[in-house]
Amino acid sequence: HEGTNNYVFSKVAMNTYVAYTAFAFAQQGMRINA
């Protein structure tokens, strides 16, 4: 995927990962934020 190996997409991916992972972490009594 051209144009994704850059600083902005690394942070877009991180923010999305944090938001998406929150539910699975909550089920395990854990938390994730950024």
Full PDB file with SEQRES, HELIX, SHEET, SSBOND, CRYST1, ORIGX, SCALE, CONECT and MASTER records, all heavy atoms in Angstrom:
SEQRES   1 A   34  HIS GLU GLY THR ASN ASN TYR VAL PHE SER LYS VAL ALA          
SEQRES   2 A   34  MET ASN THR TYR VAL ALA TYR THR ALA PHE ALA PHE ALA          
SEQRES   3 A   34  GLN GLN GLY MET ARG ILE ASN ALA                              
HELIX    1 AA1 TYR A    7  GLN A   27  1                                  21    
CRYST1    1.000    1.000    1.000  90.00  90.00  90.00 P 1           1          
ORIGX1      1.000000  0.000000  0.000000        0.00000                         
ORIGX2      0.000000  1.000000  0.000000        0.00000                         
ORIGX3      0.000000  0.000000  1.000000        0.00000                         
SCALE1      1.000000  0.000000  0.000000        0.00000                         
SCALE2      0.000000  1.000000  0.000000        0.00000                         
SCALE3      0.000000  0.000000  1.000000        0.00000                         
ATOM      1  N   HIS A   1       0.848  -1.199   0.000  1.00  0.00           N  
ATOM      2  CA  HIS A   1       0.000   0.000   0.000  1.00  0.00           C  
ATOM      3  C   HIS A   1       0.882   1.246   0.000  1.00  0.00           C  
ATOM      4  O   HIS A   1       1.380   1.685   1.046  1.00  0.00           O  
ATOM      5  CB  HIS A   1      -0.943  -0.014   1.211  1.00  0.00           C  
ATOM      6  CG  HIS A   1      -1.986  -1.086   1.133  1.00  0.00           C  
ATOM      7  ND1 HIS A   1      -1.708  -2.403   1.415  1.00  0.00           N  
ATOM      8  CD2 HIS A   1      -3.302  -1.027   0.784  1.00  0.00           C  
ATOM      9  CE1 HIS A   1      -2.815  -3.127   1.256  1.00  0.00           C  
ATOM     10  NE2 HIS A   1      -3.784  -2.322   0.866  1.00  0.00           N  
ATOM     11  N   GLU A   2       1.053   1.782  -1.172  1.00  0.00           N  
ATOM     12  CA  GLU A   2       1.914   2.948  -1.326  1.00  0.00           C  
ATOM     13  C   GLU A   2       1.405   4.113  -0.476  1.00  0.00           C  
ATOM     14  O   GLU A   2       0.200   4.332  -0.354  1.00  0.00           O  
ATOM     15  CB  GLU A   2       1.944   3.363  -2.803  1.00  0.00           C  
ATOM     16  CG  GLU A   2       2.920   4.481  -3.112  1.00  0.00           C  
ATOM     17  CD  GLU A   2       2.972   4.805  -4.600  1.00  0.00           C  
ATOM     18  OE1 GLU A   2       2.324   4.081  -5.388  1.00  0.00           O  
ATOM     19  OE2 GLU A   2       3.648   5.792  -4.958  1.00  0.00           O  
ATOM     20  N   GLY A   3       2.338   4.833   0.116  1.00  0.00           N  
ATOM     21  CA  GLY A   3       1.976   6.013   0.898  1.00  0.00           C  
ATOM     22  C   GLY A   3       1.618   5.740   2.337  1.00  0.00           C  
ATOM     23  O   GLY A   3       1.143   6.640   3.042  1.00  0.00           O  
ATOM     24  N   THR A   4       1.842   4.498   2.811  1.00  0.00           N  
ATOM     25  CA  THR A   4       1.514   4.178   4.206  1.00  0.00           C  
ATOM     26  C   THR A   4       2.747   4.022   5.100  1.00  0.00           C  
ATOM     27  O   THR A   4       2.594   3.975   6.319  1.00  0.00           O  
ATOM     28  CB  THR A   4       0.670   2.892   4.296  1.00  0.00           C  
ATOM     29  OG1 THR A   4       1.397   1.798   3.718  1.00  0.00           O  
ATOM     30  CG2 THR A   4      -0.658   3.063   3.578  1.00  0.00           C  
ATOM     31  N   ASN A   5       3.930   3.951   4.500  1.00  0.00           N  
ATOM     32  CA  ASN A   5       5.145   3.807   5.310  1.00  0.00           C  
ATOM     33  C   ASN A   5       5.660   5.195   5.676  1.00  0.00           C  
ATOM     34  O   ASN A   5       6.709   5.636   5.222  1.00  0.00           O  
ATOM     35  CB  ASN A   5       6.207   3.007   4.557  1.00  0.00           C  
ATOM     36  CG  ASN A   5       7.381   2.621   5.455  1.00  0.00           C  
ATOM     37  OD1 ASN A   5       7.209   2.376   6.642  1.00  0.00           O  
ATOM     38  ND2 ASN A   5       8.579   2.584   4.895  1.00  0.00           N  
ATOM     39  N   ASN A   6       4.895   5.889   6.525  1.00  0.00           N  
ATOM     40  CA  ASN A   6       5.258   7.252   6.887  1.00  0.00           C  
ATOM     41  C   ASN A   6       4.808   7.573   8.309  1.00  0.00           C  
ATOM     42  O   ASN A   6       4.091   6.796   8.941  1.00  0.00           O  
ATOM     43  CB  ASN A   6       4.654   8.252   5.889  1.00  0.00           C  
ATOM     44  CG  ASN A   6       3.148   8.155   5.796  1.00  0.00           C  
ATOM     45  OD1 ASN A   6       2.435   8.256   6.801  1.00  0.00           O  
ATOM     46  ND2 ASN A   6       2.629   7.941   4.589  1.00  0.00           N  
ATOM     47  N   TYR A   7       5.232   8.734   8.782  1.00  0.00           N  
ATOM     48  CA  TYR A   7       4.985   9.138  10.168  1.00  0.00           C  
ATOM     49  C   TYR A   7       3.487   9.248  10.465  1.00  0.00           C  
ATOM     50  O   TYR A   7       3.003   8.727  11.478  1.00  0.00           O  
ATOM     51  CB  TYR A   7       5.668  10.478  10.436  1.00  0.00           C  
ATOM     52  CG  TYR A   7       5.534  10.952  11.858  1.00  0.00           C  
ATOM     53  CD1 TYR A   7       6.398  10.497  12.843  1.00  0.00           C  
ATOM     54  CD2 TYR A   7       4.538  11.863  12.222  1.00  0.00           C  
ATOM     55  CE1 TYR A   7       6.281  10.930  14.161  1.00  0.00           C  
ATOM     56  CE2 TYR A   7       4.418  12.296  13.533  1.00  0.00           C  
ATOM     57  CZ  TYR A   7       5.286  11.830  14.496  1.00  0.00           C  
ATOM     58  OH  TYR A   7       5.155  12.256  15.795  1.00  0.00           O  
ATOM     59  N   VAL A   8       2.749   9.910   9.581  1.00  0.00           N  
ATOM     60  CA  VAL A   8       1.331  10.132   9.852  1.00  0.00           C  
ATOM     61  C   VAL A   8       0.579   8.811   9.952  1.00  0.00           C  
ATOM     62  O   VAL A   8      -0.195   8.595  10.899  1.00  0.00           O  
ATOM     63  CB  VAL A   8       0.698  11.036   8.774  1.00  0.00           C  
ATOM     64  CG1 VAL A   8      -0.821  11.061   8.914  1.00  0.00           C  
ATOM     65  CG2 VAL A   8       1.250  12.456   8.886  1.00  0.00           C  
ATOM     66  N   PHE A   9       0.807   7.895   9.006  1.00  0.00           N  
ATOM     67  CA  PHE A   9       0.056   6.636   9.077  1.00  0.00           C  
ATOM     68  C   PHE A   9       0.471   5.816  10.294  1.00  0.00           C  
ATOM     69  O   PHE A   9      -0.352   5.084  10.858  1.00  0.00           O  
ATOM     70  CB  PHE A   9       0.217   5.806   7.805  1.00  0.00           C  
ATOM     71  CG  PHE A   9      -0.718   4.625   7.774  1.00  0.00           C  
ATOM     72  CD1 PHE A   9      -2.084   4.819   7.609  1.00  0.00           C  
ATOM     73  CD2 PHE A   9      -0.248   3.333   7.963  1.00  0.00           C  
ATOM     74  CE1 PHE A   9      -2.968   3.740   7.619  1.00  0.00           C  
ATOM     75  CE2 PHE A   9      -1.111   2.252   7.975  1.00  0.00           C  
ATOM     76  CZ  PHE A   9      -2.475   2.450   7.801  1.00  0.00           C  
ATOM     77  N   SER A  10       1.728   5.942  10.739  1.00  0.00           N  
ATOM     78  CA  SER A  10       2.129   5.207  11.943  1.00  0.00           C  
ATOM     79  C   SER A  10       1.295   5.640  13.138  1.00  0.00           C  
ATOM     80  O   SER A  10       0.947   4.817  14.003  1.00  0.00           O  
ATOM     81  CB  SER A  10       3.628   5.399  12.228  1.00  0.00           C  
ATOM     82  OG  SER A  10       3.927   6.688  12.740  1.00  0.00           O  
ATOM     83  N   LYS A  11       0.948   6.931  13.194  1.00  0.00           N  
ATOM     84  CA  LYS A  11       0.148   7.441  14.306  1.00  0.00           C  
ATOM     85  C   LYS A  11      -1.344   7.175  14.102  1.00  0.00           C  
ATOM     86  O   LYS A  11      -2.080   6.936  15.075  1.00  0.00           O  
ATOM     87  CB  LYS A  11       0.412   8.939  14.498  1.00  0.00           C  
ATOM     88  CG  LYS A  11       1.878   9.258  14.766  1.00  0.00           C  
ATOM     89  CD  LYS A  11       2.468   8.444  15.922  1.00  0.00           C  
ATOM     90  CE  LYS A  11       3.907   8.801  16.206  1.00  0.00           C  
ATOM     91  NZ  LYS A  11       4.497   8.009  17.311  1.00  0.00           N  
ATOM     92  N   VAL A  12      -1.815   7.200  12.859  1.00  0.00           N  
ATOM     93  CA  VAL A  12      -3.197   6.805  12.567  1.00  0.00           C  
ATOM     94  C   VAL A  12      -3.411   5.353  12.981  1.00  0.00           C  
ATOM     95  O   VAL A  12      -4.414   5.002  13.626  1.00  0.00           O  
ATOM     96  CB  VAL A  12      -3.504   6.991  11.069  1.00  0.00           C  
ATOM     97  CG1 VAL A  12      -4.822   6.320  10.690  1.00  0.00           C  
ATOM     98  CG2 VAL A  12      -3.545   8.478  10.715  1.00  0.00           C  
ATOM     99  N   ALA A  13      -2.456   4.491  12.616  1.00  0.00           N  
ATOM    100  CA  ALA A  13      -2.540   3.079  12.984  1.00  0.00           C  
ATOM    101  C   ALA A  13      -2.520   2.910  14.498  1.00  0.00           C  
ATOM    102  O   ALA A  13      -3.284   2.111  15.062  1.00  0.00           O  
ATOM    103  CB  ALA A  13      -1.399   2.295  12.348  1.00  0.00           C  
ATOM    104  N   MET A  14      -1.672   3.675  15.174  1.00  0.00           N  
ATOM    105  CA  MET A  14      -1.570   3.572  16.629  1.00  0.00           C  
ATOM    106  C   MET A  14      -2.865   3.996  17.306  1.00  0.00           C  
ATOM    107  O   MET A  14      -3.377   3.304  18.202  1.00  0.00           O  
ATOM    108  CB  MET A  14      -0.404   4.419  17.147  1.00  0.00           C  
ATOM    109  CG  MET A  14      -0.213   4.350  18.650  1.00  0.00           C  
ATOM    110  SD  MET A  14       1.174   5.380  19.216  1.00  0.00           S  
ATOM    111  CE  MET A  14       2.563   4.490  18.525  1.00  0.00           C  
ATOM    112  N   ASN A  15      -3.414   5.131  16.891  1.00  0.00           N  
ATOM    113  CA  ASN A  15      -4.655   5.609  17.503  1.00  0.00           C  
ATOM    114  C   ASN A  15      -5.790   4.609  17.299  1.00  0.00           C  
ATOM    115  O   ASN A  15      -6.594   4.364  18.207  1.00  0.00           O  
ATOM    116  CB  ASN A  15      -5.042   6.963  16.916  1.00  0.00           C  
ATOM    117  CG  ASN A  15      -4.072   8.066  17.291  1.00  0.00           C  
ATOM    118  OD1 ASN A  15      -3.209   7.892  18.137  1.00  0.00           O  
ATOM    119  ND2 ASN A  15      -4.213   9.206  16.645  1.00  0.00           N  
ATOM    120  N   THR A  16      -5.855   4.047  16.092  1.00  0.00           N  
ATOM    121  CA  THR A  16      -6.898   3.066  15.801  1.00  0.00           C  
ATOM    122  C   THR A  16      -6.682   1.795  16.614  1.00  0.00           C  
ATOM    123  O   THR A  16      -7.651   1.207  17.134  1.00  0.00           O  
ATOM    124  CB  THR A  16      -6.920   2.749  14.298  1.00  0.00           C  
ATOM    125  OG1 THR A  16      -7.036   3.963  13.551  1.00  0.00           O  
ATOM    126  CG2 THR A  16      -8.086   1.839  13.942  1.00  0.00           C  
ATOM    127  N   TYR A  17      -5.447   1.371  16.727  1.00  0.00           N  
ATOM    128  CA  TYR A  17      -5.115   0.183  17.521  1.00  0.00           C  
ATOM    129  C   TYR A  17      -5.545   0.354  18.976  1.00  0.00           C  
ATOM    130  O   TYR A  17      -6.140  -0.544  19.578  1.00  0.00           O  
ATOM    131  CB  TYR A  17      -3.612  -0.077  17.434  1.00  0.00           C  
ATOM    132  CG  TYR A  17      -3.074  -1.142  18.360  1.00  0.00           C  
ATOM    133  CD1 TYR A  17      -3.333  -2.489  18.138  1.00  0.00           C  
ATOM    134  CD2 TYR A  17      -2.268  -0.793  19.440  1.00  0.00           C  
ATOM    135  CE1 TYR A  17      -2.820  -3.473  18.978  1.00  0.00           C  
ATOM    136  CE2 TYR A  17      -1.745  -1.761  20.281  1.00  0.00           C  
ATOM    137  CZ  TYR A  17      -2.024  -3.091  20.050  1.00  0.00           C  
ATOM    138  OH  TYR A  17      -1.511  -4.060  20.894  1.00  0.00           O  
ATOM    139  N   VAL A  18      -5.248   1.513  19.539  1.00  0.00           N  
ATOM    140  CA  VAL A  18      -5.624   1.791  20.924  1.00  0.00           C  
ATOM    141  C   VAL A  18      -7.143   1.729  21.087  1.00  0.00           C  
ATOM    142  O   VAL A  18      -7.664   1.092  22.022  1.00  0.00           O  
ATOM    143  CB  VAL A  18      -5.073   3.168  21.360  1.00  0.00           C  
ATOM    144  CG1 VAL A  18      -5.742   3.645  22.643  1.00  0.00           C  
ATOM    145  CG2 VAL A  18      -3.558   3.090  21.552  1.00  0.00           C  
ATOM    146  N   ALA A  19      -7.865   2.390  20.185  1.00  0.00           N  
ATOM    147  CA  ALA A  19      -9.323   2.398  20.282  1.00  0.00           C  
ATOM    148  C   ALA A  19      -9.909   0.999  20.094  1.00  0.00           C  
ATOM    149  O   ALA A  19     -10.820   0.591  20.822  1.00  0.00           O  
ATOM    150  CB  ALA A  19      -9.898   3.359  19.243  1.00  0.00           C  
ATOM    151  N   TYR A  20      -9.385   0.262  19.122  1.00  0.00           N  
ATOM    152  CA  TYR A  20      -9.927  -1.065  18.814  1.00  0.00           C  
ATOM    153  C   TYR A  20      -9.593  -2.084  19.906  1.00  0.00           C  
ATOM    154  O   TYR A  20     -10.426  -2.944  20.236  1.00  0.00           O  
ATOM    155  CB  TYR A  20      -9.366  -1.540  17.471  1.00  0.00           C  
ATOM    156  CG  TYR A  20      -9.937  -2.871  17.028  1.00  0.00           C  
ATOM    157  CD1 TYR A  20     -11.193  -2.945  16.434  1.00  0.00           C  
ATOM    158  CD2 TYR A  20      -9.226  -4.051  17.219  1.00  0.00           C  
ATOM    159  CE1 TYR A  20     -11.728  -4.160  16.040  1.00  0.00           C  
ATOM    160  CE2 TYR A  20      -9.748  -5.275  16.829  1.00  0.00           C  
ATOM    161  CZ  TYR A  20     -11.003  -5.321  16.235  1.00  0.00           C  
ATOM    162  OH  TYR A  20     -11.527  -6.528  15.858  1.00  0.00           O  
ATOM    163  N   THR A  21      -8.401  -1.975  20.467  1.00  0.00           N  
ATOM    164  CA  THR A  21      -7.941  -2.961  21.444  1.00  0.00           C  
ATOM    165  C   THR A  21      -8.572  -2.756  22.811  1.00  0.00           C  
ATOM    166  O   THR A  21      -8.553  -3.664  23.658  1.00  0.00           O  
ATOM    167  CB  THR A  21      -6.399  -2.895  21.550  1.00  0.00           C  
ATOM    168  OG1 THR A  21      -5.840  -3.073  20.240  1.00  0.00           O  
ATOM    169  CG2 THR A  21      -5.823  -3.963  22.456  1.00  0.00           C  
ATOM    170  N   ALA A  22      -9.137  -1.588  23.073  1.00  0.00           N  
ATOM    171  CA  ALA A  22      -9.673  -1.276  24.400  1.00  0.00           C  
ATOM    172  C   ALA A  22     -10.682  -2.316  24.878  1.00  0.00           C  
ATOM    173  O   ALA A  22     -10.675  -2.696  26.055  1.00  0.00           O  
ATOM    174  CB  ALA A  22     -10.317   0.114  24.387  1.00  0.00           C  
ATOM    175  N   PHE A  23     -11.553  -2.783  23.992  1.00  0.00           N  
ATOM    176  CA  PHE A  23     -12.587  -3.738  24.399  1.00  0.00           C  
ATOM    177  C   PHE A  23     -11.972  -5.066  24.836  1.00  0.00           C  
ATOM    178  O   PHE A  23     -12.318  -5.594  25.903  1.00  0.00           O  
ATOM    179  CB  PHE A  23     -13.580  -3.963  23.261  1.00  0.00           C  
ATOM    180  CG  PHE A  23     -14.617  -5.015  23.563  1.00  0.00           C  
ATOM    181  CD1 PHE A  23     -15.506  -4.853  24.621  1.00  0.00           C  
ATOM    182  CD2 PHE A  23     -14.704  -6.166  22.797  1.00  0.00           C  
ATOM    183  CE1 PHE A  23     -16.464  -5.825  24.909  1.00  0.00           C  
ATOM    184  CE2 PHE A  23     -15.650  -7.141  23.065  1.00  0.00           C  
ATOM    185  CZ  PHE A  23     -16.535  -6.975  24.129  1.00  0.00           C  
ATOM    186  N   ALA A  24     -11.071  -5.606  24.032  1.00  0.00           N  
ATOM    187  CA  ALA A  24     -10.430  -6.875  24.392  1.00  0.00           C  
ATOM    188  C   ALA A  24      -9.649  -6.740  25.695  1.00  0.00           C  
ATOM    189  O   ALA A  24      -9.671  -7.644  26.546  1.00  0.00           O  
ATOM    190  CB  ALA A  24      -9.504  -7.339  23.267  1.00  0.00           C  
ATOM    191  N   PHE A  25      -8.983  -5.594  25.867  1.00  0.00           N  
ATOM    192  CA  PHE A  25      -8.254  -5.370  27.114  1.00  0.00           C  
ATOM    193  C   PHE A  25      -9.221  -5.264  28.288  1.00  0.00           C  
ATOM    194  O   PHE A  25      -8.962  -5.805  29.370  1.00  0.00           O  
ATOM    195  CB  PHE A  25      -7.401  -4.104  27.001  1.00  0.00           C  
ATOM    196  CG  PHE A  25      -5.990  -4.348  26.550  1.00  0.00           C  
ATOM    197  CD1 PHE A  25      -5.702  -5.320  25.600  1.00  0.00           C  
ATOM    198  CD2 PHE A  25      -4.938  -3.611  27.069  1.00  0.00           C  
ATOM    199  CE1 PHE A  25      -4.387  -5.552  25.190  1.00  0.00           C  
ATOM    200  CE2 PHE A  25      -3.627  -3.834  26.671  1.00  0.00           C  
ATOM    201  CZ  PHE A  25      -3.353  -4.803  25.727  1.00  0.00           C  
ATOM    202  N   ALA A  26     -10.318  -4.563  28.103  1.00  0.00           N  
ATOM    203  CA  ALA A  26     -11.299  -4.416  29.192  1.00  0.00           C  
ATOM    204  C   ALA A  26     -11.820  -5.780  29.628  1.00  0.00           C  
ATOM    205  O   ALA A  26     -12.041  -6.020  30.823  1.00  0.00           O  
ATOM    206  CB  ALA A  26     -12.449  -3.517  28.749  1.00  0.00           C  
ATOM    207  N   GLN A  27     -12.033  -6.679  28.681  1.00  0.00           N  
ATOM    208  CA  GLN A  27     -12.504  -8.023  29.019  1.00  0.00           C  
ATOM    209  C   GLN A  27     -11.506  -8.764  29.897  1.00  0.00           C  
ATOM    210  O   GLN A  27     -11.887  -9.664  30.653  1.00  0.00           O  
ATOM    211  CB  GLN A  27     -12.763  -8.827  27.745  1.00  0.00           C  
ATOM    212  CG  GLN A  27     -13.987  -8.360  26.959  1.00  0.00           C  
ATOM    213  CD  GLN A  27     -14.185  -9.161  25.705  1.00  0.00           C  
ATOM    214  OE1 GLN A  27     -13.300  -9.288  24.865  1.00  0.00           O  
ATOM    215  NE2 GLN A  27     -15.362  -9.748  25.568  1.00  0.00           N  
ATOM    216  N   GLN A  28     -10.229  -8.372  29.797  1.00  0.00           N  
ATOM    217  CA  GLN A  28      -9.176  -9.009  30.589  1.00  0.00           C  
ATOM    218  C   GLN A  28      -8.771  -8.178  31.804  1.00  0.00           C  
ATOM    219  O   GLN A  28      -7.785  -8.495  32.473  1.00  0.00           O  
ATOM    220  CB  GLN A  28      -7.941  -9.242  29.711  1.00  0.00           C  
ATOM    221  CG  GLN A  28      -8.199 -10.111  28.487  1.00  0.00           C  
ATOM    222  CD  GLN A  28      -6.987 -10.148  27.584  1.00  0.00           C  
ATOM    223  OE1 GLN A  28      -5.940 -10.703  27.924  1.00  0.00           O  
ATOM    224  NE2 GLN A  28      -7.110  -9.543  26.411  1.00  0.00           N  
ATOM    225  N   GLY A  29      -9.516  -7.105  32.072  1.00  0.00           N  
ATOM    226  CA  GLY A  29      -9.194  -6.262  33.216  1.00  0.00           C  
ATOM    227  C   GLY A  29      -7.960  -5.415  33.001  1.00  0.00           C  
ATOM    228  O   GLY A  29      -7.290  -5.027  33.967  1.00  0.00           O  
ATOM    229  N   MET A  30      -7.656  -5.089  31.733  1.00  0.00           N  
ATOM    230  CA  MET A  30      -6.484  -4.277  31.399  1.00  0.00           C  
ATOM    231  C   MET A  30      -6.947  -3.007  30.687  1.00  0.00           C  
ATOM    232  O   MET A  30      -8.112  -2.879  30.311  1.00  0.00           O  
ATOM    233  CB  MET A  30      -5.513  -5.068  30.519  1.00  0.00           C  
ATOM    234  CG  MET A  30      -5.058  -6.375  31.131  1.00  0.00           C  
ATOM    235  SD  MET A  30      -3.701  -7.187  30.238  1.00  0.00           S  
ATOM    236  CE  MET A  30      -4.395  -7.407  28.612  1.00  0.00           C  
ATOM    237  N   ARG A  31      -6.014  -2.087  30.481  1.00  0.00           N  
ATOM    238  CA  ARG A  31      -6.339  -0.833  29.801  1.00  0.00           C  
ATOM    239  C   ARG A  31      -5.234  -0.475  28.815  1.00  0.00           C  
ATOM    240  O   ARG A  31      -4.088  -0.865  28.993  1.00  0.00           O  
ATOM    241  CB  ARG A  31      -6.485   0.313  30.810  1.00  0.00           C  
ATOM    242  CG  ARG A  31      -7.595   0.127  31.823  1.00  0.00           C  
ATOM    243  CD  ARG A  31      -7.736   1.321  32.746  1.00  0.00           C  
ATOM    244  NE  ARG A  31      -6.573   1.555  33.586  1.00  0.00           N  
ATOM    245  CZ  ARG A  31      -5.727   2.573  33.458  1.00  0.00           C  
ATOM    246  NH1 ARG A  31      -5.913   3.486  32.502  1.00  0.00           N  
ATOM    247  NH2 ARG A  31      -4.698   2.713  34.272  1.00  0.00           N  
ATOM    248  N   ILE A  32      -5.606   0.285  27.772  1.00  0.00           N  
ATOM    249  CA  ILE A  32      -4.627   0.806  26.818  1.00  0.00           C  
ATOM    250  C   ILE A  32      -5.068   2.190  26.367  1.00  0.00           C  
ATOM    251  O   ILE A  32      -6.243   2.404  26.046  1.00  0.00           O  
ATOM    252  CB  ILE A  32      -4.429  -0.144  25.616  1.00  0.00           C  
ATOM    253  CG1 ILE A  32      -3.345   0.394  24.676  1.00  0.00           C  
ATOM    254  CG2 ILE A  32      -5.746  -0.410  24.880  1.00  0.00           C  
ATOM    255  CD1 ILE A  32      -2.883  -0.611  23.631  1.00  0.00           C  
ATOM    256  N   ASN A  33      -4.151   3.139  26.369  1.00  0.00           N  
ATOM    257  CA  ASN A  33      -4.418   4.514  25.957  1.00  0.00           C  
ATOM    258  C   ASN A  33      -3.205   5.062  25.220  1.00  0.00           C  
ATOM    259  O   ASN A  33      -2.169   4.392  25.122  1.00  0.00           O  
ATOM    260  CB  ASN A  33      -4.715   5.388  27.180  1.00  0.00           C  
ATOM    261  CG  ASN A  33      -5.997   4.996  27.887  1.00  0.00           C  
ATOM    262  OD1 ASN A  33      -7.094   5.229  27.391  1.00  0.00           O  
ATOM    263  ND2 ASN A  33      -5.871   4.374  29.061  1.00  0.00           N  
ATOM    264  N   ALA A  34      -3.344   6.267  24.713  1.00  0.00           N  
ATOM    265  CA  ALA A  34      -2.221   6.927  24.047  1.00  0.00           C  
ATOM    266  C   ALA A  34      -2.203   8.404  24.396  1.00  0.00           C  
ATOM    267  O   ALA A  34      -3.229   8.991  24.748  1.00  0.00           O  
ATOM    268  CB  ALA A  34      -2.305   6.748  22.529  1.00  0.00           C  
TER     269      ALA A  34                                                      
MASTER        0    0    0    1    0    0    0    6  268    1    0    3          
END                                                                             
